[in-house]
Amino acid sequence: MAQVASVPRFNPWVVALTVTLATFMEVLDTSIANVALPHISGNLGATADESTWVLTSYLVSNAIILPMSGWLSTQFGRKRFYMACVVLFTLSSMLCGMATSLPMLIMFRIMQGLGGGGLGPSEQAILADTFTPEQRNMGFAIYGMAIVVAPAIGPTLGGWITDNYNWHWIFFINVPIGILSLLLTHRVVQDPPHLIEARKRSRESVDYLGISTIVLGVGFLQYVLDKGQQLEWFDSGIIRAAAAISAVALVVLVWREWTHSHPIINLSLLKQRNFASATISNFTLGVVLNGSTVLIPQFLQLQLGYTAERAGWALSPGGIALALLMPVAGVLGTRFDPRKVIAVGFLLTSASMFWMMRITPDIDFAHIVWMRIFQVVGLPLIFIPISTLSYVGMRLEDNNQISGISNFVRNLGGAVGTSFLVTYLARHRQIARDGLVANLHHGNVFFDRYIAALQQSAVLTGTSVADTSRHALAQLELMLDAQANILAFISTFFVLGVIVALLVPLPFLMKRPSAEEMAASQGMH
């Protein structure tokens, strides 16, 4: 039977701005809490290690709900599911702000993660159904602004709020936004006819094994990625156990979802060449976006001594650049072969990572700002065409699944990328330090001259002759640590650049959509 795409009652741009509101709020909240963590632990009497559960609890529950969001949207109705997520996220945000102990805050953060996990995939599916294929590039540009701009301004806003008010307000600010989003969604969003029909046909029994393996596999995987470096990876019995449970559950999950007649995650969609390629690209986008957003603030705060707020200000111009470039990328994706646009995006992003290798211990604020701006130039060229191509030639009733899988893979890429890069950075910091120390010994003419110069400088500042040697070695150690840090960051950006460069040919594995496929994705099946 032919399916006809629904015509929204309201202007598509009104719908886009409405659903973007809550998604922006949710993505912003994932980065805004990082800055406030020391304030939270101090206020609630928790140790630094205990307070990290404020972040981990949210990430785990958020990761669990993401892959199930497409199935839940079909089961309960997308509008109803989306509004339920907004209500849960808003209510739990208010409760987080009112928390008086760490266990209370962690419990409410779990609730917040469950609510937030369904917002992004639902919005992307709503936009796919609201805009025609010709308009989708621009529609996804609005969505992209929420996904990639919010993490850039989160640290700045979080630093400003915690410095001028207190940490409770990083959660309270979600309440009025959530209420406004709920009212607007109730008014302007509707479920399309094909989704209503799919819901009527989906009255089958619930796949409890699928749900259980998602909870176990994804939840423990997120825990391993988040806590691995802190617990020394597989030297820790907890990490080994969590990794084993995750591996077994994920293997069972893939088997179950691939063979089940009504899967919670429709893995058979990956048989489509375009969607499979887009999924790999989405994973990489998550690695680059989240990884670079973690690396640069670390460099600024650990190496240059920036406060969290000042580090946020260094990232903010990149967020503004992204906001301006998203519509431009939307136009380019329409006028040119989207595969070439994606390839250019990967090329620019790779080049920006190699440019970051020019960092030095005395790099100034302006250089950091321009490096970050260049770093984000290629991301819209990747994000928007990928989002558009994911839906081309696919059935309308698969839109919920496509958006759920796409968002899950991008978030998983962010978790894997952050974990890998932080671990790589820590290990190579030590490797770089060992390499530098190997050349520091008496008999090395440069070492002897440098120590003598430091001793002479110490004498001139009033240090006693007896203490000059100790003072010189202490100064040398500080410089050694700084150089090791710089070399580790340079090595990490090099690896990131190589990974992205290897993906430049990937878009050409996709098929360029034909006029017939564009018409099919518009509802003319």
Protein backbone atom coordinates (compact mmCIF):
# COMPACT_ATOMS: atom_id res chain seq x y z
CA MET A 1 0.00 0.00 0.00
CA ALA A 2 1.32 3.44 -0.90
CA GLN A 3 2.39 5.66 1.94
CA VAL A 4 1.98 9.38 1.72
CA ALA A 5 4.14 11.66 3.80
CA SER A 6 2.11 13.81 6.14
CA VAL A 7 1.85 17.56 5.75
CA PRO A 8 2.54 19.30 9.08
CA ARG A 9 -0.16 21.59 10.43
CA PHE A 10 2.51 24.18 11.26
CA ASN A 11 5.42 25.62 9.34
CA PRO A 12 8.27 23.04 9.42
CA TRP A 13 10.64 25.66 10.86
CA VAL A 14 8.32 26.19 13.82
CA VAL A 15 8.36 22.43 14.44
CA ALA A 16 12.16 22.34 14.08
CA LEU A 17 12.74 25.15 16.58
CA THR A 18 10.27 23.59 19.00
CA VAL A 19 11.90 20.18 19.17
CA THR A 20 15.43 21.62 19.08
CA LEU A 21 14.74 23.51 22.29
CA ALA A 22 14.66 20.42 24.53
CA THR A 23 17.50 18.66 22.71
CA PHE A 24 19.74 21.72 23.10
CA MET A 25 18.87 21.78 26.80
CA GLU A 26 19.77 18.10 27.20
CA VAL A 27 23.07 18.24 25.29
CA LEU A 28 24.04 21.41 27.14
CA ASP A 29 23.43 19.67 30.45
CA THR A 30 25.90 16.89 29.66
CA SER A 31 28.80 19.35 29.48
CA ILE A 32 27.63 22.00 31.94
CA ALA A 33 27.78 19.60 34.91
CA ASN A 34 31.46 18.78 34.30
CA VAL A 35 32.56 22.27 35.35
CA ALA A 36 30.44 22.27 38.52
CA LEU A 37 31.72 18.91 39.79
CA PRO A 38 34.24 20.32 42.32
CA HIS A 39 31.54 22.64 43.72
CA ILE A 40 29.08 19.72 44.00
CA SER A 41 31.53 17.44 45.80
CA GLY A 42 32.51 20.20 48.23
CA ASN A 43 28.93 21.16 48.98
CA LEU A 44 27.71 17.58 49.48
CA GLY A 45 30.78 16.39 51.39
CA ALA A 46 31.81 13.85 48.77
CA THR A 47 35.29 12.89 47.59
CA ALA A 48 36.39 13.72 44.05
CA ASP A 49 36.07 10.04 43.04
CA GLU A 50 32.58 9.75 44.53
CA SER A 51 31.39 12.93 42.82
CA THR A 52 32.26 11.56 39.36
CA TRP A 53 29.21 9.30 39.73
CA VAL A 54 27.17 12.46 39.08
CA LEU A 55 28.50 12.23 35.51
CA THR A 56 28.75 8.44 35.17
CA SER A 57 25.20 7.75 36.37
CA TYR A 58 23.80 10.13 33.76
CA LEU A 59 25.95 8.71 30.93
CA VAL A 60 25.03 5.10 31.71
CA SER A 61 21.26 5.66 31.86
CA ASN A 62 21.42 7.93 28.80
CA ALA A 63 23.34 5.29 26.82
CA ILE A 64 20.84 2.56 27.76
CA ILE A 65 17.77 4.46 26.52
CA LEU A 66 19.32 5.68 23.23
CA PRO A 67 19.25 2.39 21.26
CA MET A 68 15.71 1.65 22.49
CA SER A 69 14.31 5.09 21.59
CA GLY A 70 13.21 4.10 18.07
CA TRP A 71 11.28 1.08 19.33
CA LEU A 72 9.74 3.05 22.21
CA SER A 73 8.62 5.79 19.81
CA THR A 74 6.79 3.24 17.68
CA GLN A 75 5.26 1.44 20.66
CA PHE A 76 3.90 4.48 22.50
CA GLY A 77 3.67 7.06 19.73
CA ARG A 78 6.53 9.39 18.97
CA LYS A 79 4.89 12.59 20.20
CA ARG A 80 3.77 10.90 23.42
CA PHE A 81 7.24 9.38 23.98
CA TYR A 82 8.98 12.68 23.26
CA MET A 83 6.74 14.61 25.64
CA ALA A 84 7.24 11.95 28.34
CA CYS A 85 11.02 12.40 27.92
CA VAL A 86 10.68 16.18 28.28
CA VAL A 87 8.57 15.77 31.43
CA LEU A 88 11.00 13.26 32.97
CA PHE A 89 14.05 15.36 32.10
CA THR A 90 12.51 18.59 33.42
CA LEU A 91 11.17 17.04 36.64
CA SER A 92 14.44 15.23 37.38
CA SER A 93 16.38 18.46 36.68
CA MET A 94 14.36 20.21 39.36
CA LEU A 95 14.94 17.31 41.77
CA CYS A 96 18.70 17.36 41.01
CA GLY A 97 18.79 21.03 41.95
CA MET A 98 16.98 20.25 45.22
CA ALA A 99 19.22 17.27 46.13
CA THR A 100 20.80 17.46 49.59
CA SER A 101 23.05 14.39 49.40
CA LEU A 102 25.15 12.61 46.81
CA PRO A 103 22.98 9.44 46.66
CA MET A 104 19.89 11.62 46.03
CA LEU A 105 21.66 13.53 43.27
CA ILE A 106 22.89 10.32 41.61
CA MET A 107 19.39 8.81 41.67
CA PHE A 108 17.88 11.92 40.08
CA ARG A 109 20.71 12.04 37.51
CA ILE A 110 19.81 8.48 36.47
CA MET A 111 16.23 9.65 35.92
CA GLN A 112 17.52 12.69 34.03
CA GLY A 113 19.63 10.47 31.76
CA LEU A 114 16.66 8.24 30.95
CA GLY A 115 14.60 11.28 29.99
CA GLY A 116 17.39 12.96 28.05
CA GLY A 117 18.31 9.86 26.06
CA GLY A 118 15.08 9.89 24.07
CA LEU A 119 15.12 13.57 23.08
CA GLY A 120 17.79 13.64 20.34
CA PRO A 121 16.63 10.56 18.38
CA SER A 122 12.99 11.66 18.58
CA GLU A 123 13.84 15.13 17.30
CA GLN A 124 15.84 13.78 14.37
CA ALA A 125 12.98 11.45 13.38
CA ILE A 126 10.44 14.28 13.73
CA LEU A 127 12.55 16.48 11.43
CA ALA A 128 12.93 13.66 8.88
CA ASP A 129 9.12 13.37 8.68
CA THR A 130 8.43 17.11 8.84
CA PHE A 131 10.75 18.28 6.04
CA THR A 132 10.76 17.09 2.44
CA PRO A 133 14.01 15.43 1.28
CA GLU A 134 14.94 18.66 -0.49
CA GLN A 135 14.54 20.62 2.76
CA ARG A 136 16.11 18.10 5.13
CA ASN A 137 19.61 19.52 4.84
CA MET A 138 18.42 22.81 6.32
CA GLY A 139 16.21 21.07 8.86
CA PHE A 140 19.12 18.99 10.11
CA ALA A 141 21.21 22.17 10.26
CA ILE A 142 18.94 23.32 13.10
CA TYR A 143 19.31 19.95 14.81
CA GLY A 144 23.07 20.02 14.27
CA MET A 145 23.31 23.35 16.06
CA ALA A 146 21.88 21.71 19.19
CA ILE A 147 24.14 18.65 18.96
CA VAL A 148 27.48 20.36 18.34
CA VAL A 149 27.07 23.92 19.62
CA ALA A 150 25.74 23.07 23.09
CA PRO A 151 28.87 21.16 24.21
CA ALA A 152 31.01 24.12 23.12
CA ILE A 153 29.21 26.69 25.28
CA GLY A 154 28.42 24.33 28.17
CA PRO A 155 31.72 24.81 30.07
CA THR A 156 31.51 28.60 29.77
CA LEU A 157 27.93 28.77 30.97
CA GLY A 158 28.57 26.21 33.71
CA GLY A 159 31.60 28.12 34.95
CA TRP A 160 29.73 31.41 34.98
CA ILE A 161 26.71 29.99 36.84
CA THR A 162 28.77 28.20 39.50
CA ASP A 163 31.05 31.21 40.02
CA ASN A 164 28.23 33.76 40.29
CA TYR A 165 25.41 31.68 41.82
CA ASN A 166 25.76 28.02 42.88
CA TRP A 167 25.71 24.56 41.33
CA HIS A 168 21.98 24.06 41.96
CA TRP A 169 21.18 26.54 39.19
CA ILE A 170 22.83 24.45 36.46
CA PHE A 171 19.83 22.15 36.95
CA PHE A 172 17.15 24.72 37.79
CA ILE A 173 17.67 26.58 34.48
CA ASN A 174 16.27 23.50 32.69
CA VAL A 175 12.86 23.82 34.35
CA PRO A 176 11.41 26.88 32.49
CA ILE A 177 12.94 25.68 29.21
CA GLY A 178 11.41 22.24 29.71
CA ILE A 179 7.97 23.66 30.47
CA LEU A 180 8.09 25.90 27.38
CA SER A 181 9.22 22.95 25.25
CA LEU A 182 6.37 20.82 26.57
CA LEU A 183 3.71 23.43 25.79
CA LEU A 184 5.04 24.06 22.29
CA THR A 185 5.42 20.35 21.51
CA HIS A 186 1.83 19.65 22.56
CA ARG A 187 0.70 22.41 20.23
CA VAL A 188 2.77 21.99 17.06
CA VAL A 189 4.09 18.39 16.86
CA GLN A 190 2.02 15.56 15.41
CA ASP A 191 2.58 11.90 14.60
CA PRO A 192 2.45 11.25 10.82
CA PRO A 193 -0.08 8.72 9.45
CA HIS A 194 2.59 6.11 8.63
CA LEU A 195 3.74 6.13 12.27
CA ILE A 196 0.17 5.73 13.55
CA GLU A 197 -0.27 2.76 11.21
CA ALA A 198 3.04 1.24 12.31
CA ARG A 199 1.98 1.58 15.93
CA LYS A 200 -1.27 -0.27 15.22
CA ARG A 201 0.67 -3.10 13.57
CA SER A 202 3.23 -3.36 16.36
CA ARG A 203 1.04 -4.90 19.05
CA GLU A 204 3.35 -7.88 19.42
CA SER A 205 4.75 -9.23 22.67
CA VAL A 206 7.63 -7.31 24.23
CA ASP A 207 11.13 -8.69 23.56
CA TYR A 208 12.31 -8.81 27.19
CA LEU A 209 15.56 -10.57 26.25
CA GLY A 210 16.41 -7.75 23.85
CA ILE A 211 15.70 -5.11 26.48
CA SER A 212 17.73 -6.99 29.11
CA THR A 213 20.77 -7.37 26.87
CA ILE A 214 20.63 -3.67 25.92
CA VAL A 215 20.56 -2.66 29.59
CA LEU A 216 23.40 -5.00 30.54
CA GLY A 217 25.54 -4.66 27.42
CA VAL A 218 25.31 -0.91 26.85
CA GLY A 219 25.20 0.01 30.55
CA PHE A 220 28.32 -1.96 31.51
CA LEU A 221 30.12 -0.85 28.32
CA GLN A 222 29.50 2.80 29.20
CA TYR A 223 30.78 2.14 32.73
CA VAL A 224 33.97 0.53 31.38
CA LEU A 225 34.61 3.43 29.00
CA ASP A 226 33.93 6.05 31.66
CA LYS A 227 35.86 4.48 34.56
CA GLY A 228 38.53 2.46 32.72
CA GLN A 229 41.37 4.98 32.84
CA GLN A 230 40.59 5.95 36.44
CA LEU A 231 40.70 2.29 37.58
CA GLU A 232 43.76 1.32 35.49
CA TRP A 233 41.67 -0.62 32.95
CA PHE A 234 42.10 -4.39 33.09
CA ASP A 235 44.31 -4.24 36.15
CA SER A 236 41.01 -3.69 37.95
CA GLY A 237 38.79 -6.68 38.75
CA ILE A 238 35.70 -4.47 38.51
CA ILE A 239 36.60 -3.37 34.98
CA ARG A 240 37.36 -6.96 33.91
CA ALA A 241 33.99 -8.16 35.25
CA ALA A 242 32.07 -5.27 33.69
CA ALA A 243 33.80 -5.78 30.33
CA ALA A 244 33.00 -9.52 30.37
CA ILE A 245 29.32 -8.94 31.19
CA SER A 246 29.12 -6.27 28.49
CA ALA A 247 30.79 -8.46 25.85
CA VAL A 248 28.51 -11.45 26.48
CA ALA A 249 25.37 -9.29 26.60
CA LEU A 250 26.26 -7.44 23.37
CA VAL A 251 26.95 -10.69 21.49
CA VAL A 252 23.57 -12.05 22.60
CA LEU A 253 21.97 -8.70 21.71
CA VAL A 254 23.32 -8.73 18.14
CA TRP A 255 22.17 -12.34 17.62
CA ARG A 256 18.75 -11.62 19.09
CA GLU A 257 18.11 -8.41 17.19
CA TRP A 258 19.35 -9.82 13.90
CA THR A 259 17.09 -12.89 14.09
CA HIS A 260 14.00 -11.57 15.89
CA SER A 261 10.93 -10.82 13.78
CA HIS A 262 10.19 -7.60 15.69
CA PRO A 263 13.57 -6.35 16.93
CA ILE A 264 13.98 -3.49 19.37
CA ILE A 265 17.05 -2.39 17.35
CA ASN A 266 16.56 -3.17 13.66
CA LEU A 267 20.11 -4.16 12.73
CA SER A 268 18.99 -5.34 9.29
CA LEU A 269 18.94 -1.66 8.26
CA LEU A 270 22.74 -1.88 8.18
CA LYS A 271 22.41 -4.00 5.03
CA GLN A 272 21.72 -0.70 3.26
CA ARG A 273 25.09 0.54 1.99
CA ASN A 274 24.35 4.23 2.56
CA PHE A 275 23.11 3.73 6.10
CA ALA A 276 26.03 1.46 7.02
CA SER A 277 28.54 4.03 5.72
CA ALA A 278 26.68 6.84 7.47
CA THR A 279 26.77 4.85 10.71
CA ILE A 280 30.58 4.54 10.53
CA SER A 281 30.82 8.27 9.79
CA ASN A 282 28.53 9.07 12.73
CA PHE A 283 30.74 7.02 15.05
CA THR A 284 33.82 8.94 13.88
CA LEU A 285 31.99 12.25 14.22
CA GLY A 286 31.32 11.36 17.86
CA VAL A 287 34.99 10.49 18.40
CA VAL A 288 36.21 13.79 16.93
CA LEU A 289 33.55 16.05 18.44
CA ASN A 290 33.67 14.70 21.99
CA GLY A 291 37.36 13.87 21.96
CA SER A 292 38.46 17.34 20.84
CA THR A 293 36.03 18.99 23.25
CA VAL A 294 37.73 17.09 26.10
CA LEU A 295 41.33 17.45 24.88
CA ILE A 296 41.44 21.23 24.39
CA PRO A 297 40.07 22.20 27.84
CA GLN A 298 42.48 19.68 29.40
CA PHE A 299 45.39 21.31 27.60
CA LEU A 300 44.27 24.80 28.55
CA GLN A 301 43.70 23.98 32.21
CA LEU A 302 46.55 21.55 32.88
CA GLN A 303 49.20 23.16 30.70
CA LEU A 304 48.33 26.84 30.49
CA GLY A 305 46.64 27.17 33.89
CA TYR A 306 43.32 28.48 32.55
CA THR A 307 40.26 28.39 34.78
CA ALA A 308 37.32 26.29 33.58
CA GLU A 309 35.44 29.44 32.62
CA ARG A 310 38.36 30.89 30.65
CA ALA A 311 38.84 27.55 28.89
CA GLY A 312 35.15 27.72 28.02
CA TRP A 313 35.62 31.18 26.53
CA ALA A 314 38.36 29.76 24.31
CA LEU A 315 35.91 27.16 22.96
CA SER A 316 32.89 29.46 22.64
CA PRO A 317 33.93 31.18 19.36
CA GLY A 318 34.07 27.71 17.84
CA GLY A 319 30.45 27.21 18.91
CA ILE A 320 29.48 30.49 17.27
CA ALA A 321 31.31 29.46 14.09
CA LEU A 322 29.39 26.17 14.09
CA ALA A 323 26.07 27.99 14.41
CA LEU A 324 26.93 30.14 11.40
CA LEU A 325 28.29 27.27 9.31
CA MET A 326 25.41 24.83 9.80
CA PRO A 327 23.05 26.61 7.33
CA VAL A 328 25.95 27.01 4.87
CA ALA A 329 26.62 23.28 5.04
CA GLY A 330 22.90 22.67 4.52
CA VAL A 331 22.98 24.64 1.26
CA LEU A 332 26.20 22.95 0.06
CA GLY A 333 24.72 19.51 0.74
CA THR A 334 21.81 20.40 -1.55
CA ARG A 335 23.77 21.93 -4.43
CA PHE A 336 26.70 19.51 -4.62
CA ASP A 337 27.23 15.77 -4.45
CA PRO A 338 26.77 15.10 -0.69
CA ARG A 339 29.50 12.44 -0.80
CA LYS A 340 32.07 15.02 -1.91
CA VAL A 341 30.85 17.44 0.77
CA ILE A 342 31.40 14.77 3.45
CA ALA A 343 34.87 13.96 2.08
CA VAL A 344 35.83 17.65 2.19
CA GLY A 345 34.53 17.76 5.76
CA PHE A 346 36.75 14.84 6.78
CA LEU A 347 39.72 16.42 4.98
CA LEU A 348 39.30 19.79 6.72
CA THR A 349 38.81 18.14 10.11
CA SER A 350 41.95 16.03 9.62
CA ALA A 351 43.95 19.11 8.60
CA SER A 352 42.74 20.96 11.70
CA MET A 353 44.00 18.14 13.93
CA PHE A 354 47.42 18.30 12.29
CA TRP A 355 47.43 22.09 12.79
CA MET A 356 46.80 21.52 16.50
CA MET A 357 50.21 19.81 16.60
CA ARG A 358 51.75 23.31 16.51
CA ILE A 359 50.77 23.99 20.13
CA THR A 360 53.55 25.28 22.39
CA PRO A 361 53.84 25.98 26.14
CA ASP A 362 53.57 29.73 25.49
CA ILE A 363 50.76 29.68 22.91
CA ASP A 364 48.45 32.67 23.32
CA PHE A 365 44.67 32.82 23.72
CA ALA A 366 44.02 34.11 20.19
CA HIS A 367 45.86 31.20 18.57
CA ILE A 368 43.83 28.71 20.60
CA VAL A 369 40.59 30.42 19.53
CA TRP A 370 41.51 30.29 15.83
CA MET A 371 42.67 26.70 16.08
CA ARG A 372 39.32 25.73 17.60
CA ILE A 373 37.39 27.63 14.93
CA PHE A 374 39.30 25.83 12.17
CA GLN A 375 38.74 22.56 14.00
CA VAL A 376 34.96 22.86 13.75
CA VAL A 377 34.75 24.11 10.14
CA GLY A 378 34.57 20.61 8.68
CA LEU A 379 32.09 19.13 11.18
CA PRO A 380 28.88 20.59 9.62
CA LEU A 381 30.02 19.30 6.22
CA ILE A 382 30.08 15.81 7.74
CA PHE A 383 27.07 15.97 10.04
CA ILE A 384 24.35 17.35 7.74
CA PRO A 385 24.90 15.25 4.57
CA ILE A 386 25.30 12.11 6.70
CA SER A 387 22.01 12.83 8.49
CA THR A 388 20.26 13.39 5.16
CA LEU A 389 21.72 10.37 3.33
CA SER A 390 20.77 8.06 6.22
CA TYR A 391 17.08 8.40 5.27
CA VAL A 392 17.33 8.28 1.48
CA GLY A 393 15.71 5.20 -0.02
CA MET A 394 14.51 3.97 3.38
CA ARG A 395 10.92 3.24 4.38
CA LEU A 396 9.09 5.94 6.31
CA GLU A 397 8.25 3.54 9.14
CA ASP A 398 12.01 3.01 9.69
CA ASN A 399 12.65 6.69 10.49
CA ASN A 400 12.44 6.12 14.25
CA GLN A 401 14.94 3.26 14.07
CA ILE A 402 17.32 5.21 11.82
CA SER A 403 17.41 8.19 14.18
CA GLY A 404 17.78 5.97 17.26
CA ILE A 405 20.70 3.99 15.80
CA SER A 406 22.39 7.13 14.42
CA ASN A 407 22.27 8.96 17.75
CA PHE A 408 23.35 5.89 19.71
CA VAL A 409 26.36 5.29 17.44
CA ARG A 410 27.41 8.95 17.60
CA ASN A 411 27.19 8.94 21.40
CA LEU A 412 29.04 5.62 21.55
CA GLY A 413 31.75 7.13 19.35
CA GLY A 414 31.97 10.04 21.77
CA ALA A 415 32.38 7.68 24.74
CA VAL A 416 34.94 5.46 22.98
CA GLY A 417 36.83 8.47 21.60
CA THR A 418 37.00 10.27 24.92
CA SER A 419 38.11 7.14 26.76
CA PHE A 420 40.73 6.23 24.15
CA LEU A 421 42.17 9.74 23.84
CA VAL A 422 42.36 10.35 27.59
CA THR A 423 44.11 6.98 28.06
CA TYR A 424 46.44 7.58 25.11
CA LEU A 425 47.28 11.03 26.46
CA ALA A 426 48.13 9.70 29.93
CA ARG A 427 50.29 6.87 28.60
CA HIS A 428 52.18 9.02 26.11
CA ARG A 429 52.76 11.72 28.69
CA GLN A 430 54.76 9.15 30.65
CA ILE A 431 56.49 7.83 27.51
CA ALA A 432 57.48 11.36 26.50
CA ARG A 433 58.76 12.10 30.00
CA ASP A 434 60.86 8.92 30.08
CA GLY A 435 62.33 9.83 26.70
CA LEU A 436 63.28 13.31 27.88
CA VAL A 437 64.75 12.06 31.17
CA ALA A 438 66.97 9.59 29.30
CA ASN A 439 68.91 12.54 27.85
CA LEU A 440 69.33 14.42 31.13
CA HIS A 441 72.60 13.37 32.73
CA HIS A 442 75.93 14.86 33.65
CA GLY A 443 78.29 14.64 30.74
CA ASN A 444 75.64 15.96 28.36
CA VAL A 445 77.10 19.39 27.60
CA PHE A 446 73.66 20.99 27.12
CA PHE A 447 72.37 19.55 30.40
CA ASP A 448 75.44 20.75 32.34
CA ARG A 449 75.18 24.24 30.85
CA TYR A 450 71.46 24.48 31.56
CA ILE A 451 71.84 23.35 35.20
CA ALA A 452 74.65 25.87 35.68
CA ALA A 453 72.46 28.65 34.25
CA LEU A 454 69.57 27.70 36.56
CA GLN A 455 71.91 27.65 39.57
CA GLN A 456 73.28 31.06 38.68
CA SER A 457 69.75 32.41 38.27
CA ALA A 458 68.81 30.99 41.71
CA VAL A 459 71.79 32.76 43.32
CA LEU A 460 70.73 36.06 41.76
CA THR A 461 67.24 35.69 43.27
CA GLY A 462 68.67 35.23 46.77
CA THR A 463 68.81 31.42 47.06
CA SER A 464 71.65 30.17 49.20
CA VAL A 465 74.53 28.46 47.44
CA ALA A 466 73.76 25.21 49.28
CA ASP A 467 70.21 25.17 47.89
CA THR A 468 70.97 26.17 44.30
CA SER A 469 71.35 22.59 43.05
CA ARG A 470 68.01 21.50 44.53
CA HIS A 471 66.33 24.66 43.23
CA ALA A 472 67.75 24.08 39.73
CA LEU A 473 66.54 20.45 39.65
CA ALA A 474 63.06 21.48 40.83
CA GLN A 475 62.86 24.07 38.04
CA LEU A 476 64.08 21.52 35.54
CA GLU A 477 61.42 19.01 36.65
CA LEU A 478 58.65 21.55 36.13
CA MET A 479 59.90 22.29 32.63
CA LEU A 480 60.28 18.56 31.97
CA ASP A 481 56.63 17.91 32.93
CA ALA A 482 55.48 20.80 30.76
CA GLN A 483 57.41 19.52 27.74
CA ALA A 484 56.14 15.96 28.29
CA ASN A 485 52.56 17.27 28.40
CA ILE A 486 53.04 19.19 25.16
CA LEU A 487 54.56 16.17 23.38
CA ALA A 488 51.70 13.94 24.59
CA PHE A 489 49.07 16.37 23.30
CA ILE A 490 50.89 16.70 19.97
CA SER A 491 51.00 12.90 19.62
CA THR A 492 47.30 12.61 20.49
CA PHE A 493 46.24 15.21 17.92
CA PHE A 494 48.40 13.43 15.32
CA VAL A 495 46.61 10.13 15.95
CA LEU A 496 43.23 11.87 15.73
CA GLY A 497 44.25 13.51 12.45
CA VAL A 498 45.33 10.18 10.94
CA ILE A 499 42.08 8.46 11.99
CA VAL A 500 39.98 11.15 10.31
CA ALA A 501 42.21 11.26 7.19
CA LEU A 502 41.68 7.51 6.66
CA LEU A 503 37.92 8.17 6.42
CA VAL A 504 38.14 10.62 3.48
CA PRO A 505 37.37 7.85 0.90
CA LEU A 506 34.50 6.39 3.01
CA PRO A 507 31.68 8.59 1.61
CA PHE A 508 32.32 7.28 -1.90
CA LEU A 509 31.17 3.84 -0.78
CA MET A 510 27.72 5.42 -0.64
CA LYS A 511 25.42 5.67 -3.61
CA ARG A 512 24.50 9.15 -4.75
CA PRO A 513 20.70 9.27 -4.28
CA SER A 514 18.70 9.15 -7.48
CA ALA A 515 15.55 11.16 -8.16
CA GLU A 516 13.51 7.98 -7.62
CA GLU A 517 15.08 7.38 -4.20
CA MET A 518 14.48 10.99 -3.19
CA ALA A 519 10.84 10.58 -4.17
CA ALA A 520 10.65 7.28 -2.29
CA SER A 521 11.94 8.86 0.91
CA GLN A 522 9.29 11.53 0.48
CA GLY A 523 6.60 8.92 0.84
CA MET A 524 5.90 7.72 -2.72
CA HIS A 525 6.47 4.00 -2.03
